[in-house]
PDB file of N, CA and C in Angstrom:
ATOM      1  N   MET A   1      24.238  21.115  18.494  1.00  0.00           N
ATOM      2  CA  MET A   1      24.456  20.046  17.542  1.00  0.00           C
ATOM      3  C   MET A   1      23.154  19.793  16.773  1.00  0.00           C
ATOM      4  N   ASN A   2      23.252  19.630  15.474  1.00  0.00           N
ATOM      5  CA  ASN A   2      22.092  19.313  14.658  1.00  0.00           C
ATOM      6  C   ASN A   2      21.622  17.899  14.931  1.00  0.00           C
ATOM      7  N   LYS A   3      20.311  17.747  14.995  1.00  0.00           N
ATOM      8  CA  LYS A   3      19.735  16.431  15.196  1.00  0.00           C
ATOM      9  C   LYS A   3      19.253  15.867  13.873  1.00  0.00           C
ATOM     10  N   ALA A   4      19.356  14.541  13.758  1.00  0.00           N
ATOM     11  CA  ALA A   4      18.830  13.812  12.606  1.00  0.00           C
ATOM     12  C   ALA A   4      17.982  12.675  13.157  1.00  0.00           C
ATOM     13  N   LEU A   5      16.957  12.296  12.422  1.00  0.00           N
ATOM     14  CA  LEU A   5      16.098  11.188  12.796  1.00  0.00           C
ATOM     15  C   LEU A   5      16.133  10.163  11.670  1.00  0.00           C
ATOM     16  N   VAL A   6      16.378   8.912  12.040  1.00  0.00           N
ATOM     17  CA  VAL A   6      16.365   7.812  11.077  1.00  0.00           C
ATOM     18  C   VAL A   6      15.270   6.841  11.499  1.00  0.00           C
ATOM     19  N   ILE A   7      14.328   6.593  10.585  1.00  0.00           N
ATOM     20  CA  ILE A   7      13.228   5.660  10.836  1.00  0.00           C
ATOM     21  C   ILE A   7      13.359   4.547   9.799  1.00  0.00           C
ATOM     22  N   ASP A   8      13.764   3.366  10.256  1.00  0.00           N
ATOM     23  CA  ASP A   8      14.012   2.246   9.349  1.00  0.00           C
ATOM     24  C   ASP A   8      13.875   0.948  10.127  1.00  0.00           C
ATOM     25  N   ASP A   9      13.156  -0.018   9.568  1.00  0.00           N
ATOM     26  CA  ASP A   9      12.958  -1.283  10.274  1.00  0.00           C
ATOM     27  C   ASP A   9      14.101  -2.271  10.060  1.00  0.00           C
ATOM     28  N   ASP A  10      15.047  -1.948   9.199  1.00  0.00           N
ATOM     29  CA  ASP A  10      16.217  -2.805   8.994  1.00  0.00           C
ATOM     30  C   ASP A  10      17.301  -2.361   9.974  1.00  0.00           C
ATOM     31  N   GLU A  11      17.559  -3.192  10.972  1.00  0.00           N
ATOM     32  CA  GLU A  11      18.496  -2.816  12.043  1.00  0.00           C
ATOM     33  C   GLU A  11      19.896  -2.492  11.514  1.00  0.00           C
ATOM     34  N   MET A  12      20.355  -3.215  10.497  1.00  0.00           N
ATOM     35  CA  MET A  12      21.683  -2.950   9.953  1.00  0.00           C
ATOM     36  C   MET A  12      21.734  -1.579   9.280  1.00  0.00           C
ATOM     37  N   ASP A  13      20.728  -1.264   8.479  1.00  0.00           N
ATOM     38  CA  ASP A  13      20.675   0.055   7.835  1.00  0.00           C
ATOM     39  C   ASP A  13      20.543   1.161   8.875  1.00  0.00           C
ATOM     40  N   LEU A  14      19.749   0.906   9.896  1.00  0.00           N
ATOM     41  CA  LEU A  14      19.572   1.876  10.971  1.00  0.00           C
ATOM     42  C   LEU A  14      20.911   2.191  11.631  1.00  0.00           C
ATOM     43  N   GLU A  15      21.670   1.155  11.937  1.00  0.00           N
ATOM     44  CA  GLU A  15      22.965   1.337  12.595  1.00  0.00           C
ATOM     45  C   GLU A  15      23.979   2.000  11.660  1.00  0.00           C
ATOM     46  N   LEU A  16      23.999   1.602  10.389  1.00  0.00           N
ATOM     47  CA  LEU A  16      24.935   2.215   9.431  1.00  0.00           C
ATOM     48  C   LEU A  16      24.662   3.707   9.277  1.00  0.00           C
ATOM     49  N   LEU A  17      23.391   4.070   9.154  1.00  0.00           N
ATOM     50  CA  LEU A  17      23.053   5.489   9.036  1.00  0.00           C
ATOM     51  C   LEU A  17      23.381   6.241  10.315  1.00  0.00           C
ATOM     52  N   ARG A  18      23.132   5.622  11.467  1.00  0.00           N
ATOM     53  CA  ARG A  18      23.467   6.267  12.739  1.00  0.00           C
ATOM     54  C   ARG A  18      24.965   6.541  12.828  1.00  0.00           C
ATOM     55  N   LEU A  19      25.771   5.551  12.459  1.00  0.00           N
ATOM     56  CA  LEU A  19      27.229   5.726  12.497  1.00  0.00           C
ATOM     57  C   LEU A  19      27.693   6.802  11.519  1.00  0.00           C
ATOM     58  N   LEU A  20      27.185   6.754  10.303  1.00  0.00           N
ATOM     59  CA  LEU A  20      27.566   7.728   9.275  1.00  0.00           C
ATOM     60  C   LEU A  20      27.223   9.147   9.720  1.00  0.00           C
ATOM     61  N   LEU A  21      26.017   9.348  10.195  1.00  0.00           N
ATOM     62  CA  LEU A  21      25.577  10.686  10.572  1.00  0.00           C
ATOM     63  C   LEU A  21      26.250  11.171  11.853  1.00  0.00           C
ATOM     64  N   THR A  22      26.501  10.262  12.789  1.00  0.00           N
ATOM     65  CA  THR A  22      27.222  10.634  14.007  1.00  0.00           C
ATOM     66  C   THR A  22      28.629  11.097  13.665  1.00  0.00           C
ATOM     67  N   LYS A  23      29.272  10.390  12.753  1.00  0.00           N
ATOM     68  CA  LYS A  23      30.628  10.761  12.303  1.00  0.00           C
ATOM     69  C   LYS A  23      30.632  12.160  11.684  1.00  0.00           C
ATOM     70  N   GLU A  24      29.524  12.539  11.073  1.00  0.00           N
ATOM     71  CA  GLU A  24      29.420  13.865  10.447  1.00  0.00           C
ATOM     72  C   GLU A  24      28.989  14.949  11.439  1.00  0.00           C
ATOM     73  N   GLY A  25      28.833  14.577  12.707  1.00  0.00           N
ATOM     74  CA  GLY A  25      28.530  15.568  13.723  1.00  0.00           C
ATOM     75  C   GLY A  25      27.071  15.712  14.110  1.00  0.00           C
ATOM     76  N   TYR A  26      26.229  14.813  13.658  1.00  0.00           N
ATOM     77  CA  TYR A  26      24.810  14.887  14.001  1.00  0.00           C
ATOM     78  C   TYR A  26      24.512  14.093  15.267  1.00  0.00           C
ATOM     79  N   ASP A  27      23.590  14.588  16.049  1.00  0.00           N
ATOM     80  CA  ASP A  27      23.019  13.860  17.167  1.00  0.00           C
ATOM     81  C   ASP A  27      21.875  13.049  16.556  1.00  0.00           C
ATOM     82  N   VAL A  28      22.018  11.728  16.509  1.00  0.00           N
ATOM     83  CA  VAL A  28      21.103  10.891  15.730  1.00  0.00           C
ATOM     84  C   VAL A  28      20.118  10.150  16.627  1.00  0.00           C
ATOM     85  N   LEU A  29      18.854  10.333  16.318  1.00  0.00           N
ATOM     86  CA  LEU A  29      17.771   9.592  16.949  1.00  0.00           C
ATOM     87  C   LEU A  29      17.363   8.492  15.984  1.00  0.00           C
ATOM     88  N   THR A  30      17.086   7.296  16.488  1.00  0.00           N
ATOM     89  CA  THR A  30      16.697   6.197  15.608  1.00  0.00           C
ATOM     90  C   THR A  30      15.503   5.445  16.165  1.00  0.00           C
ATOM     91  N   THR A  31      14.727   4.883  15.265  1.00  0.00           N
ATOM     92  CA  THR A  31      13.639   3.990  15.623  1.00  0.00           C
ATOM     93  C   THR A  31      13.303   3.107  14.423  1.00  0.00           C
ATOM     94  N   ALA A  32      12.782   1.926  14.729  1.00  0.00           N
ATOM     95  CA  ALA A  32      12.338   1.011  13.684  1.00  0.00           C
ATOM     96  C   ALA A  32      10.818   1.065  13.532  1.00  0.00           C
ATOM     97  N   ASP A  33      10.174   1.962  14.271  1.00  0.00           N
ATOM     98  CA  ASP A  33       8.722   2.011  14.350  1.00  0.00           C
ATOM     99  C   ASP A  33       8.183   3.343  13.819  1.00  0.00           C
ATOM    100  N   GLY A  34       7.244   3.280  12.878  1.00  0.00           N
ATOM    101  CA  GLY A  34       6.684   4.489  12.284  1.00  0.00           C
ATOM    102  C   GLY A  34       6.026   5.429  13.285  1.00  0.00           C
ATOM    103  N   PRO A  35       5.060   4.944  14.094  1.00  0.00           N
ATOM    104  CA  PRO A  35       4.426   5.835  15.067  1.00  0.00           C
ATOM    105  C   PRO A  35       5.426   6.438  16.061  1.00  0.00           C
ATOM    106  N   GLN A  36       6.417   5.658  16.478  1.00  0.00           N
ATOM    107  CA  GLN A  36       7.457   6.186  17.373  1.00  0.00           C
ATOM    108  C   GLN A  36       8.258   7.273  16.658  1.00  0.00           C
ATOM    109  N   GLY A  37       8.516   7.093  15.364  1.00  0.00           N
ATOM    110  CA  GLY A  37       9.224   8.106  14.589  1.00  0.00           C
ATOM    111  C   GLY A  37       8.469   9.422  14.543  1.00  0.00           C
ATOM    112  N   VAL A  38       7.155   9.344  14.392  1.00  0.00           N
ATOM    113  CA  VAL A  38       6.322  10.556  14.386  1.00  0.00           C
ATOM    114  C   VAL A  38       6.442  11.264  15.738  1.00  0.00           C
ATOM    115  N   LEU A  39       6.398  10.506  16.827  1.00  0.00           N
ATOM    116  CA  LEU A  39       6.533  11.095  18.162  1.00  0.00           C
ATOM    117  C   LEU A  39       7.915  11.713  18.370  1.00  0.00           C
ATOM    118  N   LEU A  40       8.964  11.014  17.915  1.00  0.00           N
ATOM    119  CA  LEU A  40      10.319  11.556  18.034  1.00  0.00           C
ATOM    120  C   LEU A  40      10.458  12.849  17.248  1.00  0.00           C
ATOM    121  N   TYR A  41       9.862  12.889  16.059  1.00  0.00           N
ATOM    122  CA  TYR A  41       9.917  14.126  15.274  1.00  0.00           C
ATOM    123  C   TYR A  41       9.242  15.263  16.050  1.00  0.00           C
ATOM    124  N   LYS A  42       8.053  14.990  16.567  1.00  0.00           N
ATOM    125  CA  LYS A  42       7.301  16.018  17.288  1.00  0.00           C
ATOM    126  C   LYS A  42       8.077  16.539  18.492  1.00  0.00           C
ATOM    127  N   GLU A  43       8.741  15.641  19.206  1.00  0.00           N
ATOM    128  CA  GLU A  43       9.461  16.013  20.419  1.00  0.00           C
ATOM    129  C   GLU A  43      10.781  16.735  20.139  1.00  0.00           C
ATOM    130  N   HIS A  44      11.510  16.307  19.110  1.00  0.00           N
ATOM    131  CA  HIS A  44      12.877  16.802  18.900  1.00  0.00           C
ATOM    132  C   HIS A  44      13.060  17.735  17.707  1.00  0.00           C
ATOM    133  N   ARG A  45      12.131  17.746  16.760  1.00  0.00           N
ATOM    134  CA  ARG A  45      12.235  18.588  15.556  1.00  0.00           C
ATOM    135  C   ARG A  45      13.643  18.536  14.934  1.00  0.00           C
ATOM    136  N   PRO A  46      14.056  17.370  14.464  1.00  0.00           N
ATOM    137  CA  PRO A  46      15.400  17.239  13.894  1.00  0.00           C
ATOM    138  C   PRO A  46      15.567  18.064  12.620  1.00  0.00           C
ATOM    139  N   ALA A  47      16.825  18.286  12.258  1.00  0.00           N
ATOM    140  CA  ALA A  47      17.139  19.047  11.039  1.00  0.00           C
ATOM    141  C   ALA A  47      16.630  18.324   9.789  1.00  0.00           C
ATOM    142  N   PHE A  48      16.669  16.993   9.815  1.00  0.00           N
ATOM    143  CA  PHE A  48      16.157  16.203   8.695  1.00  0.00           C
ATOM    144  C   PHE A  48      15.842  14.792   9.158  1.00  0.00           C
ATOM    145  N   VAL A  49      15.100  14.076   8.298  1.00  0.00           N
ATOM    146  CA  VAL A  49      14.665  12.713   8.590  1.00  0.00           C
ATOM    147  C   VAL A  49      15.005  11.816   7.414  1.00  0.00           C
ATOM    148  N   PHE A  50      15.606  10.667   7.709  1.00  0.00           N
ATOM    149  CA  PHE A  50      15.700   9.574   6.740  1.00  0.00           C
ATOM    150  C   PHE A  50      14.587   8.613   7.100  1.00  0.00           C
ATOM    151  N   LEU A  51      13.712   8.342   6.155  1.00  0.00           N
ATOM    152  CA  LEU A  51      12.518   7.560   6.415  1.00  0.00           C
ATOM    153  C   LEU A  51      12.415   6.407   5.431  1.00  0.00           C
ATOM    154  N   ASP A  52      12.388   5.194   5.969  1.00  0.00           N
ATOM    155  CA  ASP A  52      12.213   4.002   5.144  1.00  0.00           C
ATOM    156  C   ASP A  52      10.785   3.968   4.620  1.00  0.00           C
ATOM    157  N   LEU A  53      10.625   3.668   3.358  1.00  0.00           N
ATOM    158  CA  LEU A  53       9.303   3.614   2.748  1.00  0.00           C
ATOM    159  C   LEU A  53       8.526   2.385   3.208  1.00  0.00           C
ATOM    160  N   GLY A  54       9.234   1.270   3.442  1.00  0.00           N
ATOM    161  CA  GLY A  54       8.570   0.009   3.771  1.00  0.00           C
ATOM    162  C   GLY A  54       8.645  -0.354   5.235  1.00  0.00           C
ATOM    163  N   LEU A  55       7.872   0.311   6.061  1.00  0.00           N
ATOM    164  CA  LEU A  55       7.818   0.000   7.489  1.00  0.00           C
ATOM    165  C   LEU A  55       6.644  -0.944   7.764  1.00  0.00           C
ATOM    166  N   PRO A  56       6.786  -1.849   8.721  1.00  0.00           N
ATOM    167  CA  PRO A  56       5.701  -2.799   8.986  1.00  0.00           C
ATOM    168  C   PRO A  56       4.511  -2.204   9.741  1.00  0.00           C
ATOM    169  N   SER A  57       4.774  -1.275  10.648  1.00  0.00           N
ATOM    170  CA  SER A  57       3.708  -0.774  11.512  1.00  0.00           C
ATOM    171  C   SER A  57       2.873   0.330  10.866  1.00  0.00           C
ATOM    172  N   MET A  58       3.471   1.042   9.958  1.00  0.00           N
ATOM    173  CA  MET A  58       2.840   2.212   9.337  1.00  0.00           C
ATOM    174  C   MET A  58       3.671   2.505   8.102  1.00  0.00           C
ATOM    175  N   SER A  59       3.065   2.699   6.955  1.00  0.00           N
ATOM    176  CA  SER A  59       3.863   2.915   5.743  1.00  0.00           C
ATOM    177  C   SER A  59       4.672   4.204   5.835  1.00  0.00           C
ATOM    178  N   GLY A  60       5.771   4.243   5.103  1.00  0.00           N
ATOM    179  CA  GLY A  60       6.588   5.452   5.067  1.00  0.00           C
ATOM    180  C   GLY A  60       5.799   6.657   4.588  1.00  0.00           C
ATOM    181  N   ILE A  61       4.899   6.447   3.641  1.00  0.00           N
ATOM    182  CA  ILE A  61       4.067   7.546   3.136  1.00  0.00           C
ATOM    183  C   ILE A  61       3.172   8.064   4.263  1.00  0.00           C
ATOM    184  N   GLU A  62       2.604   7.157   5.073  1.00  0.00           N
ATOM    185  CA  GLU A  62       1.763   7.587   6.197  1.00  0.00           C
ATOM    186  C   GLU A  62       2.584   8.368   7.226  1.00  0.00           C
ATOM    187  N   VAL A  63       3.800   7.887   7.520  1.00  0.00           N
ATOM    188  CA  VAL A  63       4.676   8.593   8.454  1.00  0.00           C
ATOM    189  C   VAL A  63       5.014   9.979   7.894  1.00  0.00           C
ATOM    190  N   LEU A  64       5.341  10.024   6.610  1.00  0.00           N
ATOM    191  CA  LEU A  64       5.649  11.297   5.947  1.00  0.00           C
ATOM    192  C   LEU A  64       4.480  12.275   6.089  1.00  0.00           C
ATOM    193  N   LYS A  65       3.274  11.806   5.825  1.00  0.00           N
ATOM    194  CA  LYS A  65       2.090  12.673   5.945  1.00  0.00           C
ATOM    195  C   LYS A  65       1.928  13.201   7.367  1.00  0.00           C
ATOM    196  N   GLU A  66       2.134  12.321   8.362  1.00  0.00           N
ATOM    197  CA  GLU A  66       1.997  12.737   9.763  1.00  0.00           C
ATOM    198  C   GLU A  66       3.048  13.792  10.138  1.00  0.00           C
ATOM    199  N   ILE A  67       4.272  13.558   9.723  1.00  0.00           N
ATOM    200  CA  ILE A  67       5.346  14.516  10.031  1.00  0.00           C
ATOM    201  C   ILE A  67       5.085  15.843   9.342  1.00  0.00           C
ATOM    202  N   ARG A  68       4.701  15.794   8.075  1.00  0.00           N
ATOM    203  CA  ARG A  68       4.442  17.036   7.338  1.00  0.00           C
ATOM    204  C   ARG A  68       3.211  17.765   7.880  1.00  0.00           C
ATOM    205  N   ALA A  69       2.255  17.043   8.450  1.00  0.00           N
ATOM    206  CA  ALA A  69       1.097  17.694   9.075  1.00  0.00           C
ATOM    207  C   ALA A  69       1.539  18.472  10.317  1.00  0.00           C
ATOM    208  N   GLN A  70       2.523  17.939  11.042  1.00  0.00           N
ATOM    209  CA  GLN A  70       3.067  18.628  12.213  1.00  0.00           C
ATOM    210  C   GLN A  70       3.928  19.817  11.811  1.00  0.00           C
ATOM    211  N   ASP A  71       4.671  19.623  10.711  1.00  0.00           N
ATOM    212  CA  ASP A  71       5.644  20.630  10.297  1.00  0.00           C
ATOM    213  C   ASP A  71       5.766  20.615   8.777  1.00  0.00           C
ATOM    214  N   PRO A  72       5.056  21.512   8.092  1.00  0.00           N
ATOM    215  CA  PRO A  72       5.098  21.542   6.628  1.00  0.00           C
ATOM    216  C   PRO A  72       6.495  21.793   6.047  1.00  0.00           C
ATOM    217  N   ARG A  73       7.417  22.265   6.891  1.00  0.00           N
ATOM    218  CA  ARG A  73       8.788  22.523   6.417  1.00  0.00           C
ATOM    219  C   ARG A  73       9.741  21.371   6.752  1.00  0.00           C
ATOM    220  N   ALA A  74       9.229  20.275   7.268  1.00  0.00           N
ATOM    221  CA  ALA A  74      10.065  19.130   7.627  1.00  0.00           C
ATOM    222  C   ALA A  74      10.850  18.647   6.411  1.00  0.00           C
ATOM    223  N   LYS A  75      12.123  18.346   6.638  1.00  0.00           N
ATOM    224  CA  LYS A  75      13.016  17.888   5.573  1.00  0.00           C
ATOM    225  C   LYS A  75      13.119  16.366   5.665  1.00  0.00           C
ATOM    226  N   VAL A  76      12.393  15.693   4.782  1.00  0.00           N
ATOM    227  CA  VAL A  76      12.312  14.233   4.818  1.00  0.00           C
ATOM    228  C   VAL A  76      12.878  13.653   3.530  1.00  0.00           C
ATOM    229  N   ILE A  77      13.786  12.702   3.699  1.00  0.00           N
ATOM    230  CA  ILE A  77      14.365  11.961   2.579  1.00  0.00           C
ATOM    231  C   ILE A  77      13.912  10.517   2.745  1.00  0.00           C
ATOM    232  N   LEU A  78      13.198  10.002   1.759  1.00  0.00           N
ATOM    233  CA  LEU A  78      12.751   8.625   1.830  1.00  0.00           C
ATOM    234  C   LEU A  78      13.846   7.696   1.318  1.00  0.00           C
ATOM    235  N   ILE A  79      13.978   6.548   1.995  1.00  0.00           N
ATOM    236  CA  ILE A  79      14.919   5.519   1.562  1.00  0.00           C
ATOM    237  C   ILE A  79      14.150   4.203   1.456  1.00  0.00           C
ATOM    238  N   THR A  80      14.508   3.398   0.490  1.00  0.00           N
ATOM    239  CA  THR A  80      13.816   2.129   0.324  1.00  0.00           C
ATOM    240  C   THR A  80      14.664   1.124  -0.418  1.00  0.00           C
ATOM    241  N   GLY A  81      14.408  -0.119  -0.150  1.00  0.00           N
ATOM    242  CA  GLY A  81      15.027  -1.205  -0.894  1.00  0.00           C
ATOM    243  C   GLY A  81      14.155  -1.624  -2.059  1.00  0.00           C
ATOM    244  N   TYR A  82      12.996  -1.005  -2.170  1.00  0.00           N
ATOM    245  CA  TYR A  82      12.027  -1.376  -3.195  1.00  0.00           C
ATOM    246  C   TYR A  82      11.655  -0.165  -4.034  1.00  0.00           C
ATOM    247  N   GLY A  83      12.656   0.531  -4.535  1.00  0.00           N
ATOM    248  CA  GLY A  83      12.421   1.773  -5.252  1.00  0.00           C
ATOM    249  C   GLY A  83      11.681   1.587  -6.556  1.00  0.00           C
ATOM    250  N   SER A  84      10.837   2.535  -6.870  1.00  0.00           N
ATOM    251  CA  SER A  84      10.152   2.554  -8.151  1.00  0.00           C
ATOM    252  C   SER A  84       9.803   3.997  -8.467  1.00  0.00           C
ATOM    253  N   VAL A  85       9.587   4.259  -9.728  1.00  0.00           N
ATOM    254  CA  VAL A  85       9.197   5.607 -10.133  1.00  0.00           C
ATOM    255  C   VAL A  85       7.876   5.982  -9.473  1.00  0.00           C
ATOM    256  N   LYS A  86       6.943   5.047  -9.406  1.00  0.00           N
ATOM    257  CA  LYS A  86       5.627   5.320  -8.808  1.00  0.00           C
ATOM    258  C   LYS A  86       5.764   5.721  -7.336  1.00  0.00           C
ATOM    259  N   SER A  87       6.565   4.990  -6.582  1.00  0.00           N
ATOM    260  CA  SER A  87       6.714   5.320  -5.169  1.00  0.00           C
ATOM    261  C   SER A  87       7.470   6.634  -4.977  1.00  0.00           C
ATOM    262  N   ALA A  88       8.421   6.928  -5.856  1.00  0.00           N
ATOM    263  CA  ALA A  88       9.149   8.201  -5.775  1.00  0.00           C
ATOM    264  C   ALA A  88       8.200   9.368  -6.030  1.00  0.00           C
ATOM    265  N   VAL A  89       7.351   9.239  -7.037  1.00  0.00           N
ATOM    266  CA  VAL A  89       6.387  10.294  -7.350  1.00  0.00           C
ATOM    267  C   VAL A  89       5.412  10.480  -6.183  1.00  0.00           C
ATOM    268  N   GLU A  90       4.933   9.376  -5.617  1.00  0.00           N
ATOM    269  CA  GLU A  90       4.017   9.441  -4.476  1.00  0.00           C
ATOM    270  C   GLU A  90       4.670  10.150  -3.286  1.00  0.00           C
ATOM    271  N   ALA A  91       5.931   9.813  -3.019  1.00  0.00           N
ATOM    272  CA  ALA A  91       6.661  10.424  -1.907  1.00  0.00           C
ATOM    273  C   ALA A  91       6.833  11.926  -2.122  1.00  0.00           C
ATOM    274  N   MET A  92       7.207  12.318  -3.312  1.00  0.00           N
ATOM    275  CA  MET A  92       7.397  13.738  -3.614  1.00  0.00           C
ATOM    276  C   MET A  92       6.068  14.500  -3.530  1.00  0.00           C
ATOM    277  N   LYS A  93       5.003  13.855  -3.946  1.00  0.00           N
ATOM    278  CA  LYS A  93       3.680  14.472  -3.892  1.00  0.00           C
ATOM    279  C   LYS A  93       3.290  14.802  -2.452  1.00  0.00           C
ATOM    280  N   HIS A  94       3.778  14.024  -1.521  1.00  0.00           N
ATOM    281  CA  HIS A  94       3.442  14.237  -0.117  1.00  0.00           C
ATOM    282  C   HIS A  94       4.528  14.993   0.649  1.00  0.00           C
ATOM    283  N   GLY A  95       5.494  15.550  -0.073  1.00  0.00           N
ATOM    284  CA  GLY A  95       6.438  16.454   0.566  1.00  0.00           C
ATOM    285  C   GLY A  95       7.840  15.946   0.811  1.00  0.00           C
ATOM    286  N   ALA A  96       8.157  14.723   0.396  1.00  0.00           N
ATOM    287  CA  ALA A  96       9.546  14.264   0.528  1.00  0.00           C
ATOM    288  C   ALA A  96      10.430  15.137  -0.353  1.00  0.00           C
ATOM    289  N   LEU A  97      11.616  15.439   0.135  1.00  0.00           N
ATOM    290  CA  LEU A  97      12.526  16.290  -0.635  1.00  0.00           C
ATOM    291  C   LEU A  97      13.446  15.488  -1.533  1.00  0.00           C
ATOM    292  N   ASP A  98      13.587  14.197  -1.236  1.00  0.00           N
ATOM    293  CA  ASP A  98      14.423  13.333  -2.062  1.00  0.00           C
ATOM    294  C   ASP A  98      14.040  11.892  -1.802  1.00  0.00           C
ATOM    295  N   PHE A  99      14.546  11.017  -2.648  1.00  0.00           N
ATOM    296  CA  PHE A  99      14.213   9.607  -2.605  1.00  0.00           C
ATOM    297  C   PHE A  99      15.470   8.841  -2.966  1.00  0.00           C
ATOM    298  N   ILE A 100      15.906   7.959  -2.091  1.00  0.00           N
ATOM    299  CA  ILE A 100      17.152   7.232  -2.319  1.00  0.00           C
ATOM    300  C   ILE A 100      16.901   5.736  -2.152  1.00  0.00           C
ATOM    301  N   GLU A 101      17.394   4.947  -3.098  1.00  0.00           N
ATOM    302  CA  GLU A 101      17.326   3.497  -2.947  1.00  0.00           C
ATOM    303  C   GLU A 101      18.421   3.048  -1.988  1.00  0.00           C
ATOM    304  N   LYS A 102      18.218   1.919  -1.315  1.00  0.00           N
ATOM    305  CA  LYS A 102      19.157   1.450  -0.298  1.00  0.00           C
ATOM    306  C   LYS A 102      20.480   0.950  -0.875  1.00  0.00           C
ATOM    307  N   THR A 103      20.681   1.081  -2.130  1.00  0.00           N
ATOM    308  CA  THR A 103      21.984   0.778  -2.711  1.00  0.00           C
ATOM    309  C   THR A 103      22.876   2.008  -2.659  1.00  0.00           C
ATOM    310  N   TRP A 104      22.558   2.926  -1.769  1.00  0.00           N
ATOM    311  CA  TRP A 104      23.237   4.210  -1.611  1.00  0.00           C
ATOM    312  C   TRP A 104      24.698   4.055  -1.227  1.00  0.00           C
ATOM    313  N   ASP A 105      25.423   5.129  -1.473  1.00  0.00           N
ATOM    314  CA  ASP A 105      26.784   5.196  -0.933  1.00  0.00           C
ATOM    315  C   ASP A 105      26.855   6.412  -0.013  1.00  0.00           C
ATOM    316  N   ALA A 106      27.782   6.375   0.919  1.00  0.00           N
ATOM    317  CA  ALA A 106      27.874   7.408   1.956  1.00  0.00           C
ATOM    318  C   ALA A 106      28.050   8.798   1.353  1.00  0.00           C
ATOM    319  N   GLY A 107      28.878   8.929   0.350  1.00  0.00           N
ATOM    320  CA  GLY A 107      29.114  10.231  -0.277  1.00  0.00           C
ATOM    321  C   GLY A 107      27.844  10.817  -0.861  1.00  0.00           C
ATOM    322  N   GLU A 108      27.057   9.979  -1.524  1.00  0.00           N
ATOM    323  CA  GLU A 108      25.805  10.443  -2.116  1.00  0.00           C
ATOM    324  C   GLU A 108      24.835  10.902  -1.033  1.00  0.00           C
ATOM    325  N   MET A 109      24.739  10.137   0.061  1.00  0.00           N
ATOM    326  CA  MET A 109      23.844  10.499   1.152  1.00  0.00           C
ATOM    327  C   MET A 109      24.235  11.851   1.753  1.00  0.00           C
ATOM    328  N   LEU A 110      25.502  12.020   2.049  1.00  0.00           N
ATOM    329  CA  LEU A 110      25.967  13.269   2.661  1.00  0.00           C
ATOM    330  C   LEU A 110      25.775  14.448   1.718  1.00  0.00           C
ATOM    331  N   TYR A 111      26.005  14.241   0.435  1.00  0.00           N
ATOM    332  CA  TYR A 111      25.801  15.292  -0.566  1.00  0.00           C
ATOM    333  C   TYR A 111      24.334  15.729  -0.578  1.00  0.00           C
ATOM    334  N   LYS A 112      23.423  14.764  -0.567  1.00  0.00           N
ATOM    335  CA  LYS A 112      21.999  15.095  -0.597  1.00  0.00           C
ATOM    336  C   LYS A 112      21.574  15.824   0.677  1.00  0.00           C
ATOM    337  N   ILE A 113      22.089  15.395   1.825  1.00  0.00           N
ATOM    338  CA  ILE A 113      21.770  16.077   3.085  1.00  0.00           C
ATOM    339  C   ILE A 113      22.223  17.527   3.020  1.00  0.00           C
ATOM    340  N   GLN A 114      23.462  17.747   2.607  1.00  0.00           N
ATOM    341  CA  GLN A 114      23.998  19.106   2.537  1.00  0.00           C
ATOM    342  C   GLN A 114      23.181  19.972   1.593  1.00  0.00           C
ATOM    343  N   ASN A 115      22.813  19.435   0.439  1.00  0.00           N
ATOM    344  CA  ASN A 115      22.019  20.199  -0.521  1.00  0.00           C
ATOM    345  C   ASN A 115      20.651  20.570   0.044  1.00  0.00           C
ATOM    346  N   ILE A 116      20.011  19.617   0.718  1.00  0.00           N
ATOM    347  CA  ILE A 116      18.692  19.876   1.276  1.00  0.00           C
ATOM    348  C   ILE A 116      18.763  20.909   2.402  1.00  0.00           C
ATOM    349  N   LEU A 117      19.728  20.766   3.279  1.00  0.00           N
ATOM    350  CA  LEU A 117      19.853  21.725   4.379  1.00  0.00           C
ATOM    351  C   LEU A 117      20.194  23.115   3.864  1.00  0.00           C
ATOM    352  N   TYR A 118      21.014  23.187   2.823  1.00  0.00           N
ATOM    353  CA  TYR A 118      21.367  24.482   2.235  1.00  0.00           C
ATOM    354  C   TYR A 118      20.148  25.110   1.527  1.00  0.00           C
ATOM    355  N   ALA A 119      19.479  24.302   0.715  1.00  0.00           N
ATOM    356  CA  ALA A 119      18.379  24.827  -0.103  1.00  0.00           C
ATOM    357  C   ALA A 119      17.133  25.183   0.726  1.00  0.00           C
ATOM    358  N   PHE A 120      16.887  24.406   1.781  1.00  0.00           N
ATOM    359  CA  PHE A 120      15.652  24.603   2.532  1.00  0.00           C
ATOM    360  C   PHE A 120      15.870  25.122   3.949  1.00  0.00           C
ATOM    361  N   GLY A 121      17.130  25.508   4.234  1.00  0.00           N
ATOM    362  CA  GLY A 121      17.463  26.114   5.522  1.00  0.00           C
ATOM    363  C   GLY A 121      17.034  25.311   6.668  1.00  0.00           C
TER     364      GLY A 121
END
């Protein structure tokens, strides 16, 4: 079973993503803590990561850098409730494959996951 990692400090978003991805057949790991997310990535090497940009313990960009330092091929999609062009550019510069605002819909999320997994194996 493919593993997915969701790192988000909003418990409702964390649970919604866990349910959505579980329904699609993923074994989903979740955490609300940036450093814990880095450790989970290192231990489990999931197929992809949904990473909240605005974490309290460690910024999403810092988590992204740590994960990409461990695995330059890591497939990370940043999610945020505070989207901006500047933050999207910053995320892409550090290796994020996509950037989604939290006004997402399930179909869009699944489409982006499929495209990323197909394009980047």
